[in-house]
Amino acid sequence: MFHHVKELQFNARVSKPDPKFARLLLEQFGGGNGELKAAMQYFVQAFSARQPYPKLYDMLMDIATEEFSHLEIVGATITMLLGPVNSELKQAFEDSGLKEMVTGGSAARDALVHQALMNPQFFVLSGGGPTVTDSNGNPWSGAYVNANGDPTVDLRSNIAAESRAKIVYEYLLQFTDDEYVQESLRFLMTREISHFQMFAAHLEQIQPNFPPGVLQGDSRFLQTYFNMSNGASARGPWNQGKGPWSQGEWTYVEDPIEAVRSSNGLAEFPETAAMSNEQLDKIGKQLGKQRYEEVSKAVPKSTNQWSDYPQRDLESPRKAS
């Protein structure tokens, strides 16, 4: 149950209208790495975690809700940067500095026309507020949302999402000299770092969490690196020495063409991992059984109920009352 509080989480302020930067900031409103994407991703992921992993559900819902609050901060900032566009178009034209651009010569006029043609809805039809698009007018899509239902996969997706959002804020900071706007962007960027750390900490609690999912892979290729380029080759912990596994080392295949030809298209490639396929399959089956029991014990076979009223425990009631 959501309850809207009219005060923003962070006090968004601007010193003057800036429609050009407002358009850039749309990336964090309706873009593929923006706040709406993050909010919807964590919100959707939370559903499958509700009963089997109530702690994960609680964290995902908390962060999703905060992301919605960040969306509100971005939307408020965009609206203030636009000034009274559409409702008082002439006044907005005077206040925003666009008059100077248009009267500054043909190059400035051409640049402004190009911007308008690239995203006419934002300049003409938005009503002075944000649109659910990126900075080029591409509409937000549910395809941005990654939710696989496996905690180890979803948490890694979220770590990557926070990383991308953080770096976008870094870039945006370079395109505005408004101290108030920079302050808001730094707040939003910092919370991306905090969320990254939250997701990483929760992932660390899930053991084992590597490889993601249940199946362990094929011992012939699991710890094998194929040198797929000519010339000087880089070596490092990604292709030599001990990998992320508890035992074994990387096998470096210097000539992958010869390896493919001599092994009947890798069908007869030798096992190179420290554990055999039989051992890996056994681990996969044990882990699959463990994950199955975690979920099946938490989900009733018949009547079910999502919440208690009032809900005092993290655990869902599991049976309809």
Protein backbone atom coordinates (compact mmCIF):
# COMPACT_ATOMS: atom_id res chain seq x y z
CA MET A 1 0.00 0.00 0.00
CA PHE A 2 1.55 3.25 -1.15
CA HIS A 3 1.05 6.58 0.57
CA HIS A 4 2.27 9.71 -1.16
CA VAL A 5 4.01 12.36 0.92
CA LYS A 6 4.02 15.71 -0.83
CA GLU A 7 7.50 16.74 0.33
CA LEU A 8 10.28 15.46 -1.91
CA GLN A 9 12.90 13.14 -0.43
CA PHE A 10 15.49 15.73 -1.47
CA ASN A 11 14.68 19.42 -1.95
CA ALA A 12 14.88 19.87 -5.74
CA ARG A 13 15.76 23.43 -6.74
CA VAL A 14 16.87 25.29 -9.87
CA SER A 15 18.33 28.78 -10.23
CA LYS A 16 16.86 29.46 -13.70
CA PRO A 17 15.05 27.70 -16.55
CA ASP A 18 17.20 25.56 -18.82
CA PRO A 19 15.13 23.64 -21.43
CA LYS A 20 18.22 22.15 -23.06
CA PHE A 21 19.37 20.46 -19.87
CA ALA A 22 15.78 19.48 -19.07
CA ARG A 23 15.81 17.45 -22.24
CA LEU A 24 19.07 15.73 -21.28
CA LEU A 25 17.67 14.95 -17.84
CA LEU A 26 14.83 13.00 -19.48
CA GLU A 27 17.35 10.14 -19.71
CA GLN A 28 16.92 9.65 -15.97
CA PHE A 29 13.14 9.95 -16.16
CA GLY A 30 12.09 7.70 -19.03
CA GLY A 31 15.39 6.37 -20.35
CA GLY A 32 16.72 2.83 -20.33
CA ASN A 33 18.96 3.51 -17.32
CA GLY A 34 16.66 5.92 -15.51
CA GLU A 35 14.71 6.00 -12.29
CA LEU A 36 11.47 4.60 -13.73
CA LYS A 37 13.32 1.59 -15.11
CA ALA A 38 14.97 0.96 -11.73
CA ALA A 39 11.74 1.39 -9.78
CA MET A 40 9.80 -0.98 -12.04
CA GLN A 41 12.61 -3.54 -12.16
CA TYR A 42 12.92 -3.88 -8.40
CA PHE A 43 9.14 -3.70 -7.97
CA VAL A 44 8.59 -6.57 -10.42
CA GLN A 45 11.44 -8.64 -8.98
CA ALA A 46 9.96 -8.35 -5.50
CA PHE A 47 6.85 -10.37 -6.32
CA SER A 48 8.63 -13.71 -6.79
CA ALA A 49 10.67 -13.07 -3.64
CA ARG A 50 7.70 -12.29 -1.38
CA GLN A 51 7.08 -15.71 0.15
CA PRO A 52 10.33 -17.68 -0.26
CA TYR A 53 12.72 -14.77 0.42
CA PRO A 54 10.91 -12.19 2.59
CA LYS A 55 14.11 -10.31 3.48
CA LEU A 56 14.91 -9.85 -0.20
CA TYR A 57 11.31 -8.78 -0.82
CA ASP A 58 11.56 -6.16 1.91
CA MET A 59 14.78 -4.72 0.49
CA LEU A 60 13.55 -4.72 -3.11
CA MET A 61 10.30 -2.97 -2.20
CA ASP A 62 12.12 -0.38 -0.08
CA ILE A 63 14.58 0.43 -2.87
CA ALA A 64 11.86 0.37 -5.55
CA THR A 65 9.85 2.86 -3.52
CA GLU A 66 12.89 5.09 -3.11
CA GLU A 67 13.46 4.93 -6.85
CA PHE A 68 9.91 6.20 -7.38
CA SER A 69 10.78 9.08 -5.06
CA HIS A 70 13.87 9.76 -7.18
CA LEU A 71 11.66 9.75 -10.27
CA GLU A 72 9.62 12.45 -8.57
CA ILE A 73 12.77 14.51 -7.92
CA VAL A 74 13.85 14.21 -11.55
CA GLY A 75 10.36 15.06 -12.81
CA ALA A 76 10.14 18.09 -10.54
CA THR A 77 13.56 19.30 -11.69
CA ILE A 78 12.64 18.89 -15.35
CA THR A 79 9.42 20.85 -14.82
CA MET A 80 11.24 23.71 -13.11
CA LEU A 81 13.95 23.76 -15.78
CA LEU A 82 11.32 24.08 -18.49
CA GLY A 83 9.71 27.11 -16.93
CA PRO A 84 6.11 27.91 -17.98
CA VAL A 85 6.40 26.18 -21.36
CA ASN A 86 3.15 25.97 -23.38
CA SER A 87 1.00 27.71 -20.76
CA GLU A 88 2.94 30.95 -21.28
CA LEU A 89 5.04 30.17 -24.30
CA LYS A 90 6.16 33.75 -24.94
CA GLN A 91 7.23 34.24 -21.32
CA ALA A 92 9.05 30.92 -21.32
CA PHE A 93 10.82 31.99 -24.49
CA GLU A 94 12.03 35.17 -22.82
CA ASP A 95 13.08 33.54 -19.51
CA SER A 96 14.79 30.45 -20.83
CA GLY A 97 17.51 32.18 -22.80
CA LEU A 98 16.25 30.69 -26.09
CA LYS A 99 15.59 34.18 -27.48
CA GLU A 100 19.30 34.91 -27.39
CA MET A 101 20.01 31.62 -29.16
CA VAL A 102 17.53 32.29 -31.94
CA THR A 103 18.65 35.86 -32.46
CA GLY A 104 22.30 34.87 -32.27
CA GLY A 105 22.67 33.92 -35.89
CA SER A 106 21.84 31.14 -38.34
CA ALA A 107 23.98 28.52 -36.60
CA ALA A 108 22.16 28.99 -33.32
CA ARG A 109 18.78 28.94 -35.06
CA ASP A 110 19.67 25.77 -36.95
CA ALA A 111 20.78 24.08 -33.72
CA LEU A 112 17.50 24.95 -32.04
CA VAL A 113 15.44 23.73 -34.99
CA HIS A 114 17.44 20.48 -35.03
CA GLN A 115 16.71 19.91 -31.33
CA ALA A 116 13.01 20.56 -31.82
CA LEU A 117 12.81 18.18 -34.78
CA MET A 118 14.61 15.46 -32.83
CA ASN A 119 12.06 15.59 -30.02
CA PRO A 120 9.06 17.78 -30.92
CA GLN A 121 6.78 16.28 -28.27
CA PHE A 122 9.02 17.47 -25.47
CA PHE A 123 9.26 21.03 -26.78
CA VAL A 124 5.66 21.41 -27.95
CA LEU A 125 3.33 18.85 -26.39
CA SER A 126 4.65 18.16 -22.90
CA GLY A 127 2.66 20.92 -21.22
CA GLY A 128 5.72 22.07 -19.33
CA GLY A 129 6.40 18.75 -17.61
CA PRO A 130 8.43 15.59 -18.28
CA THR A 131 7.46 12.98 -20.83
CA VAL A 132 7.91 9.25 -20.28
CA THR A 133 10.68 9.10 -22.87
CA ASP A 134 14.41 9.35 -23.11
CA SER A 135 16.13 12.55 -24.28
CA ASN A 136 15.50 11.70 -27.95
CA GLY A 137 11.78 11.10 -27.50
CA ASN A 138 11.90 7.30 -27.51
CA PRO A 139 9.07 6.05 -25.27
CA TRP A 140 9.82 4.13 -22.11
CA SER A 141 9.48 0.38 -22.56
CA GLY A 142 8.88 -2.56 -20.25
CA ALA A 143 11.67 -4.26 -22.19
CA TYR A 144 14.05 -2.27 -19.98
CA VAL A 145 12.99 -4.35 -16.96
CA ASN A 146 15.07 -7.42 -16.10
CA ALA A 147 13.41 -9.89 -13.74
CA ASN A 148 14.44 -13.54 -13.97
CA GLY A 149 13.05 -14.87 -10.70
CA ASP A 150 16.43 -16.13 -9.50
CA PRO A 151 17.85 -13.92 -6.71
CA THR A 152 21.46 -14.35 -7.81
CA VAL A 153 20.60 -13.27 -11.36
CA ASP A 154 18.27 -10.42 -10.40
CA LEU A 155 20.69 -8.95 -7.87
CA ARG A 156 23.49 -8.94 -10.43
CA SER A 157 21.16 -7.20 -12.90
CA ASN A 158 20.42 -4.61 -10.23
CA ILE A 159 24.10 -4.02 -9.46
CA ALA A 160 24.65 -3.37 -13.17
CA ALA A 161 21.58 -1.09 -13.34
CA GLU A 162 22.81 1.03 -10.44
CA SER A 163 26.25 1.25 -12.03
CA ARG A 164 24.83 2.50 -15.33
CA ALA A 165 22.53 5.01 -13.63
CA LYS A 166 25.43 6.29 -11.53
CA ILE A 167 27.65 6.91 -14.52
CA VAL A 168 24.83 8.73 -16.37
CA TYR A 169 24.56 11.13 -13.42
CA GLU A 170 28.32 11.64 -13.61
CA TYR A 171 27.99 12.66 -17.24
CA LEU A 172 24.93 14.85 -16.62
CA LEU A 173 26.80 16.82 -13.96
CA GLN A 174 29.14 18.05 -16.68
CA PHE A 175 26.30 19.62 -18.68
CA THR A 176 24.88 22.02 -16.10
CA ASP A 177 26.44 24.83 -14.10
CA ASP A 178 23.34 25.31 -11.93
CA GLU A 179 24.55 24.67 -8.37
CA TYR A 180 21.08 23.68 -7.19
CA VAL A 181 20.64 21.15 -9.98
CA GLN A 182 24.14 19.79 -9.39
CA GLU A 183 23.27 19.31 -5.73
CA SER A 184 20.20 17.24 -6.65
CA LEU A 185 22.18 15.19 -9.16
CA ARG A 186 24.90 14.46 -6.62
CA PHE A 187 22.27 13.25 -4.15
CA LEU A 188 20.73 10.96 -6.76
CA MET A 189 24.15 9.69 -7.87
CA THR A 190 25.14 8.95 -4.28
CA ARG A 191 22.00 6.92 -3.66
CA GLU A 192 22.89 4.79 -6.72
CA ILE A 193 26.16 3.95 -4.96
CA SER A 194 24.28 3.07 -1.76
CA HIS A 195 21.84 0.83 -3.63
CA PHE A 196 24.76 -0.89 -5.38
CA GLN A 197 26.22 -1.71 -1.97
CA MET A 198 22.87 -2.98 -0.66
CA PHE A 199 22.42 -5.34 -3.58
CA ALA A 200 26.02 -6.55 -3.35
CA ALA A 201 25.67 -7.21 0.40
CA HIS A 202 22.48 -9.21 -0.08
CA LEU A 203 24.03 -11.21 -2.93
CA GLU A 204 26.94 -12.09 -0.64
CA GLN A 205 24.46 -13.56 1.85
CA ILE A 206 23.23 -16.07 -0.74
CA GLN A 207 25.60 -19.02 -0.74
CA PRO A 208 26.53 -20.40 -3.12
CA ASN A 209 25.82 -17.56 -5.55
CA PHE A 210 28.26 -18.46 -8.33
CA PRO A 211 27.61 -19.46 -11.00
CA PRO A 212 24.21 -17.73 -11.12
CA GLY A 213 21.27 -20.11 -11.18
CA VAL A 214 21.58 -23.84 -10.44
CA LEU A 215 23.43 -25.66 -13.23
CA GLN A 216 27.22 -25.66 -12.85
CA GLY A 217 28.28 -25.97 -16.49
CA ASP A 218 30.39 -28.41 -18.51
CA SER A 219 33.79 -29.30 -17.08
CA ARG A 220 35.32 -29.28 -20.57
CA PHE A 221 34.73 -25.56 -21.01
CA LEU A 222 34.06 -24.19 -17.54
CA GLN A 223 37.62 -23.07 -16.77
CA THR A 224 38.84 -22.75 -20.36
CA TYR A 225 39.97 -19.54 -22.04
CA PHE A 226 40.16 -19.45 -25.85
CA ASN A 227 42.65 -16.98 -27.33
CA MET A 228 40.39 -15.70 -30.12
CA SER A 229 42.66 -13.00 -31.58
CA ASN A 230 45.97 -12.73 -33.41
CA GLY A 231 48.98 -10.76 -32.24
CA ALA A 232 49.95 -9.81 -28.73
CA SER A 233 47.60 -11.28 -26.12
CA ALA A 234 46.75 -10.06 -22.64
CA ARG A 235 47.08 -12.38 -19.68
CA GLY A 236 45.61 -11.90 -16.24
CA PRO A 237 43.35 -13.44 -13.59
CA TRP A 238 40.61 -13.82 -16.21
CA ASN A 239 42.63 -16.39 -18.16
CA GLN A 240 45.46 -17.66 -15.98
CA GLY A 241 45.96 -18.87 -12.44
CA LYS A 242 43.13 -19.47 -10.01
CA GLY A 243 39.70 -18.33 -11.19
CA PRO A 244 36.63 -17.61 -9.05
CA TRP A 245 36.27 -21.30 -8.22
CA SER A 246 37.28 -22.94 -4.97
CA GLN A 247 39.70 -25.23 -6.79
CA GLY A 248 41.43 -25.57 -10.16
CA GLU A 249 43.00 -23.08 -12.57
CA TRP A 250 42.32 -21.62 -16.00
CA THR A 251 43.30 -23.64 -19.07
CA TYR A 252 44.61 -21.30 -21.78
CA VAL A 253 44.02 -22.50 -25.36
CA GLU A 254 46.60 -20.68 -27.47
CA ASP A 255 45.35 -22.02 -30.83
CA PRO A 256 41.56 -22.41 -30.72
CA ILE A 257 41.34 -23.36 -34.43
CA GLU A 258 43.55 -26.37 -33.90
CA ALA A 259 41.70 -27.22 -30.70
CA VAL A 260 38.36 -27.24 -32.54
CA ARG A 261 39.67 -29.32 -35.45
CA SER A 262 41.52 -31.86 -33.33
CA SER A 263 38.58 -32.42 -30.97
CA ASN A 264 35.83 -32.98 -33.55
CA GLY A 265 34.34 -29.53 -33.05
CA LEU A 266 35.06 -29.59 -29.29
CA ALA A 267 32.80 -32.63 -28.91
CA GLU A 268 35.89 -34.61 -27.79
CA PHE A 269 37.57 -31.74 -25.93
CA PRO A 270 39.03 -33.00 -22.63
CA GLU A 271 37.71 -32.01 -19.24
CA THR A 272 39.79 -29.11 -17.92
CA ALA A 273 37.90 -28.09 -14.77
CA ALA A 274 38.99 -29.31 -11.34
CA MET A 275 35.73 -31.26 -10.97
CA SER A 276 34.29 -33.77 -13.40
CA ASN A 277 30.93 -33.43 -15.09
CA GLU A 278 29.53 -36.03 -12.70
CA GLN A 279 30.63 -33.95 -9.70
CA LEU A 280 29.29 -30.75 -11.22
CA ASP A 281 25.95 -32.40 -12.04
CA LYS A 282 25.70 -33.63 -8.46
CA ILE A 283 26.25 -30.10 -7.14
CA GLY A 284 23.64 -28.77 -9.54
CA LYS A 285 21.07 -31.32 -8.45
CA GLN A 286 21.73 -30.60 -4.77
CA LEU A 287 21.44 -26.87 -5.32
CA GLY A 288 18.30 -27.33 -7.42
CA LYS A 289 16.73 -29.38 -4.63
CA GLN A 290 17.71 -26.72 -2.07
CA ARG A 291 16.16 -23.89 -4.13
CA TYR A 292 13.05 -26.01 -4.79
CA GLU A 293 12.56 -26.64 -1.10
CA GLU A 294 13.04 -22.96 -0.27
CA VAL A 295 10.25 -21.99 -2.63
CA SER A 296 7.88 -24.94 -2.21
CA LYS A 297 7.91 -24.73 1.59
CA ALA A 298 7.00 -21.07 1.40
CA VAL A 299 4.13 -21.35 -1.10
CA PRO A 300 0.94 -23.18 -0.05
CA LYS A 301 -0.49 -25.73 -2.46
CA SER A 302 -4.06 -24.47 -2.02
CA THR A 303 -5.41 -21.27 -0.48
CA ASN A 304 -2.91 -18.51 -0.10
CA GLN A 305 -2.73 -14.98 1.31
CA TRP A 306 -0.26 -12.20 0.55
CA SER A 307 -0.46 -10.12 3.73
CA ASP A 308 -1.58 -10.11 7.32
CA TYR A 309 -3.63 -7.19 8.60
CA PRO A 310 -1.74 -5.68 10.27
CA GLN A 311 1.46 -7.11 8.84
CA ARG A 312 3.88 -7.33 11.79
CA ASP A 313 6.30 -9.94 10.47
CA LEU A 314 8.45 -10.12 7.38
CA GLU A 315 7.07 -13.57 6.62
CA SER A 316 3.85 -13.65 4.59
CA PRO A 317 0.96 -15.57 6.25
CA ARG A 318 1.07 -18.28 3.52
CA LYS A 319 -2.47 -19.45 4.22
CA ALA A 320 -5.68 -17.55 3.59
CA SER A 321 -7.47 -16.69 6.81
